[in-house]
Amino acid sequence: MNMQTYFRLSLTMLVLSAGLSSCMKEDFNTSEGKVGEMITLLDVRQAYKGSEVTLNTASLNGGTTISGIVISDKDGKNLPANSLVLQQTAASSNSFTDMTRGIVINMTTEPAYAVGDSLHINVTGGKLGRVGGNLTISGITAAQVTVIATGKTALVRPVTLGKLHSTMEYYESTLVSLNADAVDPAAGTLAGSKQVADQTGDAVYVYTRSAATHASEPMPVSAQFTGIAARLNESSNDTFNSKKVIMPRNAADVQWQSGVMYSGFPESFESPEVAAKSSYNSGTNMVTLKTGSWTLLQGILANTAASDRYNEPGKQCIRMQQNLTTVGTVQMNFDVTEGASKVTVFYGRYSTDARSQFRLEASTNGGTTWTTVGSTITAPADKEFRQAVWMVNYTGNVRFRLAKLGLGTSNNGRLNFDDFVIYKK
């Protein structure tokens, strides 16, 4: 097929995590802490070895304090009592990805912290273990928490179900967004566990507690579900037999409702292998992919680890050429026949290349003419692999293409695309 595939080098990064954490700096929580006291959420999570551990300077290698942004919504009431979820994004020196981790904090009283509050929490004496499947620090008092800032924006990482299943350890207790269809189109309201699928991996559940303020909202046929990625084990505290869930924090976390995705999509660019299109511009530039015939003009199939962005468990994507004065396109040579209500694609800059720009274009006359859909999108300046979403309104036959703009040699680096999806009218 993690906006990047965040963790293509996951094994290497785990081995090096102790060294990396020493050179990380927080880029979402800029408050000061005494040297040696602060410890990243990555290191806290790694202190858990399968059984409950008491947190102290011995178990945390001299650390006492964690920091992060509150991503749970106390007013939405979609969390267990006395709980909040903290997320931290720490900048790393590697060119591939920064490190985002989260953790559940179970306090001795109901927390009063709002979404976007930046906290320092002295976790000394807390108990680190799994509760209902999720890694949790329990026993924290209000006196151990300091609010450093308010109104901060935490990173939301788009995922596919394939990516969520293959790298759940990286997403647990962090904010994600998922465009997916309801497995049961007549699922009623959001209350309870509702299966969703996106044709990239096994279904997961959108989970809403009956006490949540949005529990009575209708379950859509298809939508983007934003929320906290979590495990749900209602019979024990471990991960065995737990469900993977996304927990919307409030009604606003369910948006961009549409028709269901077309069969055969996402176009993941996984087949054929890279050798079938290894030249940016040669011959017809046509290649037969899973969904049909496509033209890759100034684009290749690519799989360079730590540089190309693609969604695990996939192993390749599209890479568009840099420094061109003409437009490069990833173009469907076939129509979908039942209209379109939404189009999505993952995108990110190749390695540390300069930013570039692209747009979506549509044709309703078999590719004779093309019209621009929505606004031009600029690839991110950071290391994230993002997802573009266009809400559209086409009936009957329509085809699409992604057009990378020819901006010349300034701010026009290579660009990756993965997991292109069209949703029916």
Protein backbone atom coordinates (compact mmCIF):
# COMPACT_ATOMS: atom_id res chain seq x y z
CA MET A 1 0.00 0.00 0.00
CA ASN A 2 1.19 6.21 8.26
CA MET A 3 0.92 10.05 5.17
CA GLN A 4 4.01 7.78 5.15
CA THR A 5 4.34 4.22 6.12
CA TYR A 6 5.61 5.32 9.47
CA PHE A 7 7.14 2.15 10.61
CA ARG A 8 8.69 0.40 7.64
CA LEU A 9 11.85 0.18 9.75
CA SER A 10 9.90 -0.75 12.87
CA LEU A 11 12.20 -3.53 14.02
CA THR A 12 15.29 -1.39 13.59
CA MET A 13 13.63 1.51 15.36
CA LEU A 14 12.66 -0.66 18.29
CA VAL A 15 16.22 -1.87 18.66
CA LEU A 16 17.49 1.69 18.54
CA SER A 17 14.70 3.26 20.58
CA ALA A 18 16.74 3.75 23.72
CA GLY A 19 19.33 5.68 21.78
CA LEU A 20 16.80 7.60 19.72
CA SER A 21 14.81 8.71 22.73
CA SER A 22 17.85 10.47 24.13
CA CYS A 23 18.03 12.73 21.07
CA MET A 24 14.30 13.38 20.74
CA LYS A 25 12.68 16.67 21.55
CA GLU A 26 8.99 17.30 21.92
CA ASP A 27 7.57 19.32 19.06
CA PHE A 28 3.97 19.45 20.27
CA ASN A 29 4.67 20.20 23.96
CA THR A 30 7.33 22.86 24.25
CA SER A 31 7.32 23.30 28.02
CA GLU A 32 10.51 22.95 30.01
CA GLY A 33 11.40 20.12 32.36
CA LYS A 34 14.49 19.37 34.39
CA VAL A 35 17.08 17.28 32.58
CA GLY A 36 16.70 13.64 33.51
CA GLU A 37 13.15 13.93 34.84
CA MET A 38 11.29 13.83 31.52
CA ILE A 39 10.73 10.48 29.84
CA THR A 40 9.01 9.84 26.51
CA LEU A 41 5.82 7.82 26.23
CA LEU A 42 7.76 5.43 23.99
CA ASP A 43 10.13 4.64 26.87
CA VAL A 44 7.30 4.36 29.38
CA ARG A 45 5.51 1.85 27.18
CA GLN A 46 8.72 -0.15 26.83
CA ALA A 47 9.00 -0.38 30.63
CA TYR A 48 6.07 -2.81 30.54
CA LYS A 49 7.34 -6.39 30.19
CA GLY A 50 4.08 -8.33 30.43
CA SER A 51 3.18 -7.83 34.09
CA GLU A 52 2.28 -4.80 36.20
CA VAL A 53 5.21 -2.61 37.19
CA THR A 54 5.46 0.18 39.76
CA LEU A 55 6.82 3.33 38.16
CA ASN A 56 9.85 4.91 39.83
CA THR A 57 13.31 6.10 38.87
CA ALA A 58 14.55 2.51 38.83
CA SER A 59 11.91 1.23 36.41
CA LEU A 60 12.07 4.40 34.28
CA ASN A 61 15.87 4.75 34.04
CA GLY A 62 15.91 7.83 36.25
CA GLY A 63 12.79 9.48 34.81
CA THR A 64 9.77 10.63 36.77
CA THR A 65 7.62 12.75 34.46
CA ILE A 66 5.75 12.30 31.18
CA SER A 67 4.21 14.95 28.97
CA GLY A 68 1.72 15.07 26.15
CA ILE A 69 -1.56 16.41 24.85
CA VAL A 70 -4.95 15.23 26.09
CA ILE A 71 -6.75 13.62 23.14
CA SER A 72 -9.79 12.25 24.99
CA ASP A 73 -12.95 14.33 25.37
CA LYS A 74 -14.30 14.36 28.93
CA ASP A 75 -17.56 15.88 27.70
CA GLY A 76 -18.07 13.14 25.10
CA LYS A 77 -18.11 10.47 27.84
CA ASN A 78 -16.74 7.69 25.62
CA LEU A 79 -14.07 6.55 28.12
CA PRO A 80 -14.10 4.54 31.34
CA ALA A 81 -14.59 6.55 34.54
CA ASN A 82 -11.57 8.49 35.87
CA SER A 83 -9.65 8.07 32.59
CA LEU A 84 -7.95 10.30 30.07
CA VAL A 85 -5.72 9.52 27.08
CA LEU A 86 -2.40 11.32 26.57
CA GLN A 87 -0.55 11.49 23.23
CA GLN A 88 2.98 12.67 22.51
CA THR A 89 4.74 13.27 19.20
CA ALA A 90 8.50 13.45 19.55
CA ALA A 91 10.76 14.57 16.73
CA SER A 92 13.46 12.09 15.79
CA SER A 93 16.66 12.68 13.86
CA ASN A 94 15.88 10.10 11.19
CA SER A 95 14.39 11.20 7.87
CA PHE A 96 11.68 8.58 7.85
CA THR A 97 9.33 9.30 10.72
CA ASP A 98 8.77 11.02 14.02
CA MET A 99 7.53 9.01 17.00
CA THR A 100 3.92 9.27 18.13
CA ARG A 101 2.73 7.25 21.12
CA GLY A 102 -0.16 7.41 23.55
CA ILE A 103 -1.19 5.95 26.88
CA VAL A 104 -4.27 5.76 29.10
CA ILE A 105 -4.06 7.54 32.46
CA ASN A 106 -6.40 6.23 35.14
CA MET A 107 -6.72 8.77 37.95
CA THR A 108 -8.02 8.49 41.49
CA THR A 109 -10.69 11.12 40.71
CA GLU A 110 -12.54 12.13 37.56
CA PRO A 111 -10.12 14.26 35.47
CA ALA A 112 -11.18 17.76 34.48
CA TYR A 113 -8.71 18.20 31.60
CA ALA A 114 -9.97 19.22 28.16
CA VAL A 115 -8.99 18.10 24.69
CA GLY A 116 -5.81 19.97 23.76
CA ASP A 117 -4.52 20.47 27.29
CA SER A 118 -0.74 19.95 27.42
CA LEU A 119 0.15 18.15 30.65
CA HIS A 120 3.16 17.19 32.72
CA ILE A 121 2.40 14.17 34.88
CA ASN A 122 4.72 12.90 37.60
CA VAL A 123 4.03 9.17 37.36
CA THR A 124 6.08 8.15 40.41
CA GLY A 125 4.16 5.49 42.31
CA GLY A 126 1.78 4.80 39.45
CA LYS A 127 1.11 1.26 38.28
CA LEU A 128 1.82 0.44 34.62
CA GLY A 129 -0.20 -2.47 33.28
CA ARG A 130 -2.91 -3.46 30.84
CA VAL A 131 -6.50 -2.59 31.70
CA GLY A 132 -9.18 -3.90 29.35
CA GLY A 133 -6.40 -4.57 26.84
CA ASN A 134 -4.85 -1.09 26.82
CA LEU A 135 -1.57 -0.09 28.43
CA THR A 136 -2.57 2.12 31.35
CA ILE A 137 -0.92 4.08 34.16
CA SER A 138 -3.18 3.79 37.20
CA GLY A 139 -3.30 5.54 40.56
CA ILE A 140 -2.40 9.07 39.44
CA THR A 141 -3.70 11.91 41.62
CA ALA A 142 -4.61 15.44 40.55
CA ALA A 143 -1.64 16.73 42.56
CA GLN A 144 0.70 14.86 40.18
CA VAL A 145 -0.64 16.70 37.11
CA THR A 146 0.41 20.14 35.89
CA VAL A 147 -1.33 21.92 33.01
CA ILE A 148 1.38 23.53 30.88
CA ALA A 149 -0.77 24.93 28.06
CA THR A 150 -4.25 24.70 26.58
CA GLY A 151 -5.67 24.58 23.06
CA LYS A 152 -2.90 22.47 21.56
CA THR A 153 -3.56 20.39 18.44
CA ALA A 154 -2.57 16.74 18.55
CA LEU A 155 -1.55 14.82 15.44
CA VAL A 156 -4.26 12.70 13.79
CA ARG A 157 -2.79 9.90 11.67
CA PRO A 158 -4.88 8.41 8.86
CA VAL A 159 -4.80 4.62 8.68
CA THR A 160 -6.08 1.72 6.67
CA LEU A 161 -7.28 -1.42 8.42
CA GLY A 162 -4.33 -3.30 6.98
CA LYS A 163 -1.96 -0.80 8.59
CA LEU A 164 -3.87 -0.76 11.87
CA HIS A 165 -3.76 -4.54 12.18
CA SER A 166 -0.11 -4.89 11.20
CA THR A 167 1.22 -2.11 13.49
CA MET A 168 -1.38 -1.77 16.26
CA GLU A 169 1.32 -1.39 18.91
CA TYR A 170 2.24 1.97 17.37
CA TYR A 171 -1.34 3.25 17.17
CA GLU A 172 -2.79 2.09 20.50
CA SER A 173 -4.12 5.09 22.47
CA THR A 174 -3.42 7.63 19.70
CA LEU A 175 -5.68 9.59 17.38
CA VAL A 176 -6.40 8.01 13.99
CA SER A 177 -8.81 8.55 11.13
CA LEU A 178 -10.26 5.78 8.96
CA ASN A 179 -12.45 5.98 5.87
CA ALA A 180 -14.52 2.79 5.88
CA ASP A 181 -17.92 1.20 5.18
CA ALA A 182 -20.28 -0.25 7.74
CA VAL A 183 -20.27 -4.06 7.52
CA ASP A 184 -23.96 -3.99 8.44
CA PRO A 185 -25.55 -1.08 6.52
CA ALA A 186 -28.60 -1.26 8.82
CA ALA A 187 -26.55 -0.95 12.00
CA GLY A 188 -28.84 1.61 13.66
CA THR A 189 -27.05 4.03 15.98
CA LEU A 190 -23.38 4.42 16.89
CA ALA A 191 -23.97 2.84 20.31
CA GLY A 192 -22.04 -0.38 20.89
CA SER A 193 -19.49 -2.11 18.65
CA LYS A 194 -20.15 -1.62 14.93
CA GLN A 195 -17.92 -3.40 12.41
CA VAL A 196 -16.38 -1.36 9.61
CA ALA A 197 -14.25 -2.47 6.66
CA ASP A 198 -12.12 -0.85 3.94
CA GLN A 199 -10.98 -3.89 1.90
CA THR A 200 -7.37 -3.65 3.12
CA GLY A 201 -7.55 -5.97 6.14
CA ASP A 202 -9.86 -7.57 8.67
CA ALA A 203 -12.72 -5.44 9.94
CA VAL A 204 -12.41 -3.47 13.17
CA TYR A 205 -15.07 -1.91 15.33
CA VAL A 206 -16.26 1.63 15.87
CA TYR A 207 -16.98 1.54 19.59
CA THR A 208 -19.31 3.92 21.41
CA ARG A 209 -20.35 3.52 25.03
CA SER A 210 -24.06 3.78 25.75
CA ALA A 211 -23.36 6.77 28.03
CA ALA A 212 -21.52 8.69 25.30
CA THR A 213 -23.16 11.91 24.17
CA HIS A 214 -23.13 10.73 20.54
CA ALA A 215 -24.42 7.18 21.18
CA SER A 216 -27.82 7.96 19.62
CA GLU A 217 -26.33 9.33 16.39
CA PRO A 218 -27.10 7.14 13.34
CA MET A 219 -24.45 4.73 12.10
CA PRO A 220 -23.57 5.85 8.55
CA VAL A 221 -23.25 3.52 5.57
CA SER A 222 -19.75 4.90 4.98
CA ALA A 223 -17.80 7.74 6.58
CA GLN A 224 -14.51 8.92 7.97
CA PHE A 225 -14.28 7.78 11.59
CA THR A 226 -11.80 9.74 13.71
CA GLY A 227 -11.06 8.64 17.23
CA ILE A 228 -8.77 6.89 19.66
CA ALA A 229 -7.36 3.57 18.46
CA ALA A 230 -7.74 1.08 21.29
CA ARG A 231 -8.16 -2.53 22.31
CA LEU A 232 -11.41 -3.68 23.86
CA ASN A 233 -11.33 -6.72 26.14
CA GLU A 234 -14.50 -7.01 28.19
CA SER A 235 -13.52 -10.26 29.92
CA SER A 236 -9.90 -9.70 31.00
CA ASN A 237 -7.08 -7.13 30.94
CA ASP A 238 -4.74 -8.68 28.39
CA THR A 239 -4.72 -8.34 24.61
CA PHE A 240 -5.68 -11.95 23.92
CA ASN A 241 -9.08 -12.06 22.18
CA SER A 242 -9.40 -8.28 22.44
CA LYS A 243 -11.12 -6.34 19.67
CA LYS A 244 -9.32 -3.56 17.81
CA VAL A 245 -11.56 -0.51 17.99
CA ILE A 246 -11.72 3.15 17.06
CA MET A 247 -13.50 5.23 19.69
CA PRO A 248 -15.03 8.46 18.33
CA ARG A 249 -14.77 11.14 21.02
CA ASN A 250 -17.91 13.02 19.98
CA ALA A 251 -20.34 13.39 17.08
CA ALA A 252 -17.90 15.60 15.13
CA ASP A 253 -15.50 12.64 14.87
CA VAL A 254 -17.84 11.01 12.32
CA GLN A 255 -17.78 13.00 9.09
CA TRP A 256 -17.57 12.87 5.28
CA GLN A 257 -20.41 10.39 4.94
CA SER A 258 -20.70 8.85 1.48
CA GLY A 259 -21.75 5.86 -0.53
CA VAL A 260 -19.81 2.61 -0.16
CA MET A 261 -16.43 2.10 -1.83
CA TYR A 262 -16.26 0.35 -5.18
CA SER A 263 -15.34 -3.32 -5.21
CA GLY A 264 -11.66 -3.83 -5.99
CA PHE A 265 -10.58 -0.58 -4.39
CA PRO A 266 -8.39 0.70 -2.81
CA GLU A 267 -6.03 0.72 -5.74
CA SER A 268 -2.94 -0.11 -3.70
CA PHE A 269 -0.44 -0.15 -6.59
CA GLU A 270 0.87 -3.49 -5.26
CA SER A 271 0.60 -5.42 -8.53
CA PRO A 272 2.50 -5.69 -10.80
CA GLU A 273 5.91 -5.35 -9.17
CA VAL A 274 8.10 -2.28 -9.60
CA ALA A 275 9.93 -3.61 -12.66
CA ALA A 276 6.73 -3.27 -14.70
CA LYS A 277 6.96 0.54 -14.49
CA SER A 278 10.46 1.64 -13.52
CA SER A 279 10.87 4.54 -15.96
CA TYR A 280 9.19 7.88 -15.32
CA ASN A 281 8.40 8.48 -19.00
CA SER A 282 8.88 5.71 -21.54
CA GLY A 283 6.66 4.16 -24.17
CA THR A 284 2.91 4.45 -23.51
CA ASN A 285 3.39 4.76 -19.74
CA MET A 286 0.41 2.42 -19.38
CA VAL A 287 0.33 -0.32 -16.76
CA THR A 288 -2.35 -2.82 -15.80
CA LEU A 289 -3.03 -2.57 -12.07
CA LYS A 290 -5.49 -4.46 -9.87
CA THR A 291 -8.39 -2.17 -10.78
CA GLY A 292 -7.64 -1.86 -14.50
CA SER A 293 -5.49 0.10 -16.97
CA TRP A 294 -3.74 3.23 -15.70
CA THR A 295 -1.33 5.74 -17.25
CA LEU A 296 1.60 6.74 -15.05
CA LEU A 297 3.06 9.80 -16.77
CA GLN A 298 6.22 10.87 -14.91
CA GLY A 299 5.36 8.27 -12.28
CA ILE A 300 6.81 4.86 -11.39
CA LEU A 301 6.01 1.94 -9.12
CA ALA A 302 8.41 2.30 -6.21
CA ASN A 303 9.45 0.49 -3.02
CA THR A 304 12.56 2.14 -1.56
CA ALA A 305 12.43 1.53 2.19
CA ALA A 306 12.73 4.62 4.41
CA SER A 307 12.21 6.95 1.44
CA ASP A 308 9.03 5.93 -0.40
CA ARG A 309 5.84 6.32 1.66
CA TYR A 310 3.41 3.41 1.49
CA ASN A 311 0.95 1.75 3.82
CA GLU A 312 1.97 -1.49 5.48
CA PRO A 313 1.50 -4.35 5.01
CA GLY A 314 1.88 -3.21 1.40
CA LYS A 315 5.37 -2.92 -0.07
CA GLN A 316 5.13 -0.37 -2.87
CA CYS A 317 3.42 2.78 -4.11
CA ILE A 318 3.58 5.43 -6.83
CA ARG A 319 6.51 7.86 -6.93
CA MET A 320 6.19 11.00 -9.07
CA GLN A 321 9.21 12.69 -10.64
CA GLN A 322 10.69 15.96 -9.35
CA ASN A 323 11.67 19.33 -10.87
CA LEU A 324 9.39 19.05 -13.91
CA THR A 325 7.86 21.99 -15.77
CA THR A 326 5.02 19.81 -17.10
CA VAL A 327 2.24 17.99 -15.29
CA GLY A 328 2.69 14.34 -14.29
CA THR A 329 -0.43 12.18 -13.91
CA VAL A 330 -1.68 8.97 -12.31
CA GLN A 331 -4.67 8.43 -14.57
CA MET A 332 -7.48 5.88 -14.76
CA ASN A 333 -8.10 4.61 -18.30
CA PHE A 334 -11.51 3.20 -17.34
CA ASP A 335 -14.75 4.48 -15.84
CA VAL A 336 -16.55 3.56 -12.68
CA THR A 337 -20.21 3.29 -13.61
CA GLU A 338 -22.27 4.16 -10.53
CA GLY A 339 -21.13 7.72 -9.99
CA ALA A 340 -18.96 8.96 -7.14
CA SER A 341 -19.58 10.64 -3.79
CA LYS A 342 -16.05 10.64 -2.34
CA VAL A 343 -12.45 10.09 -3.46
CA THR A 344 -9.48 9.54 -1.15
CA VAL A 345 -5.74 8.98 -1.51
CA PHE A 346 -2.71 8.82 0.78
CA TYR A 347 0.15 11.17 -0.12
CA GLY A 348 3.50 12.32 1.23
CA ARG A 349 6.82 13.68 0.09
CA TYR A 350 9.52 11.21 -0.89
CA SER A 351 12.32 11.04 1.73
CA THR A 352 13.34 14.62 2.61
CA ASP A 353 12.53 16.09 -0.81
CA ALA A 354 11.07 19.56 -1.21
CA ARG A 355 7.33 19.95 -1.01
CA SER A 356 5.26 19.71 -4.18
CA GLN A 357 1.65 20.24 -5.26
CA PHE A 358 -1.06 18.10 -6.83
CA ARG A 359 -4.77 18.12 -7.56
CA LEU A 360 -7.58 15.73 -8.43
CA GLU A 361 -9.16 15.87 -11.87
CA ALA A 362 -12.29 14.14 -13.23
CA SER A 363 -13.60 13.19 -16.64
CA THR A 364 -17.20 12.29 -17.53
CA ASN A 365 -16.55 11.78 -21.25
CA GLY A 366 -14.14 8.87 -21.27
CA GLY A 367 -11.00 10.93 -20.70
CA THR A 368 -11.49 13.40 -23.56
CA THR A 369 -11.52 16.39 -21.24
CA TRP A 370 -10.67 16.79 -17.56
CA THR A 371 -11.89 19.22 -14.92
CA THR A 372 -10.22 20.14 -11.62
CA VAL A 373 -11.89 18.86 -8.45
CA GLY A 374 -11.48 21.01 -5.34
CA SER A 375 -8.31 22.89 -4.43
CA THR A 376 -4.65 22.24 -5.08
CA ILE A 377 -2.99 20.26 -2.26
CA THR A 378 0.55 20.85 -1.04
CA ALA A 379 2.57 17.89 0.23
CA PRO A 380 3.38 18.18 3.94
CA ALA A 381 6.55 19.82 5.18
CA ASP A 382 6.86 17.18 7.89
CA LYS A 383 7.41 13.43 7.66
CA GLU A 384 3.76 12.44 7.80
CA PHE A 385 1.86 10.38 5.23
CA ARG A 386 -1.48 12.14 4.91
CA GLN A 387 -4.82 11.37 3.33
CA ALA A 388 -6.63 13.70 0.97
CA VAL A 389 -10.44 13.49 0.91
CA TRP A 390 -12.62 15.02 -1.80
CA MET A 391 -16.40 15.04 -1.44
CA VAL A 392 -17.82 14.89 -4.97
CA ASN A 393 -21.18 14.50 -6.69
CA TYR A 394 -21.06 12.52 -9.93
CA THR A 395 -23.73 10.28 -11.41
CA GLY A 396 -23.14 7.69 -14.10
CA ASN A 397 -19.73 7.09 -15.67
CA VAL A 398 -16.71 8.96 -14.30
CA ARG A 399 -12.94 8.48 -14.08
CA PHE A 400 -10.26 10.33 -12.12
CA ARG A 401 -6.59 11.20 -12.20
CA LEU A 402 -4.05 12.70 -9.81
CA ALA A 403 -2.07 15.53 -11.41
CA LYS A 404 1.29 16.59 -9.92
CA LEU A 405 1.92 20.18 -10.99
CA GLY A 406 4.94 21.16 -13.07
CA LEU A 407 6.43 23.83 -10.83
CA GLY A 408 9.99 23.68 -12.17
CA THR A 409 13.05 23.25 -9.97
CA SER A 410 11.80 25.25 -6.96
CA ASN A 411 9.66 23.50 -4.32
CA ASN A 412 8.95 20.54 -6.57
CA GLY A 413 10.30 17.34 -5.03
CA ARG A 414 9.26 13.76 -5.60
CA LEU A 415 5.84 12.74 -4.32
CA ASN A 416 4.30 9.41 -3.22
CA PHE A 417 0.71 8.19 -3.63
CA ASP A 418 -0.90 5.07 -2.18
CA ASP A 419 -4.33 3.52 -1.62
CA PHE A 420 -6.56 5.42 -4.03
CA VAL A 421 -10.29 4.88 -3.36
CA ILE A 422 -13.55 5.86 -5.10
CA TYR A 423 -16.87 5.68 -3.25
CA LYS A 424 -20.15 5.14 -5.11
CA LYS A 425 -22.79 7.82 -5.49
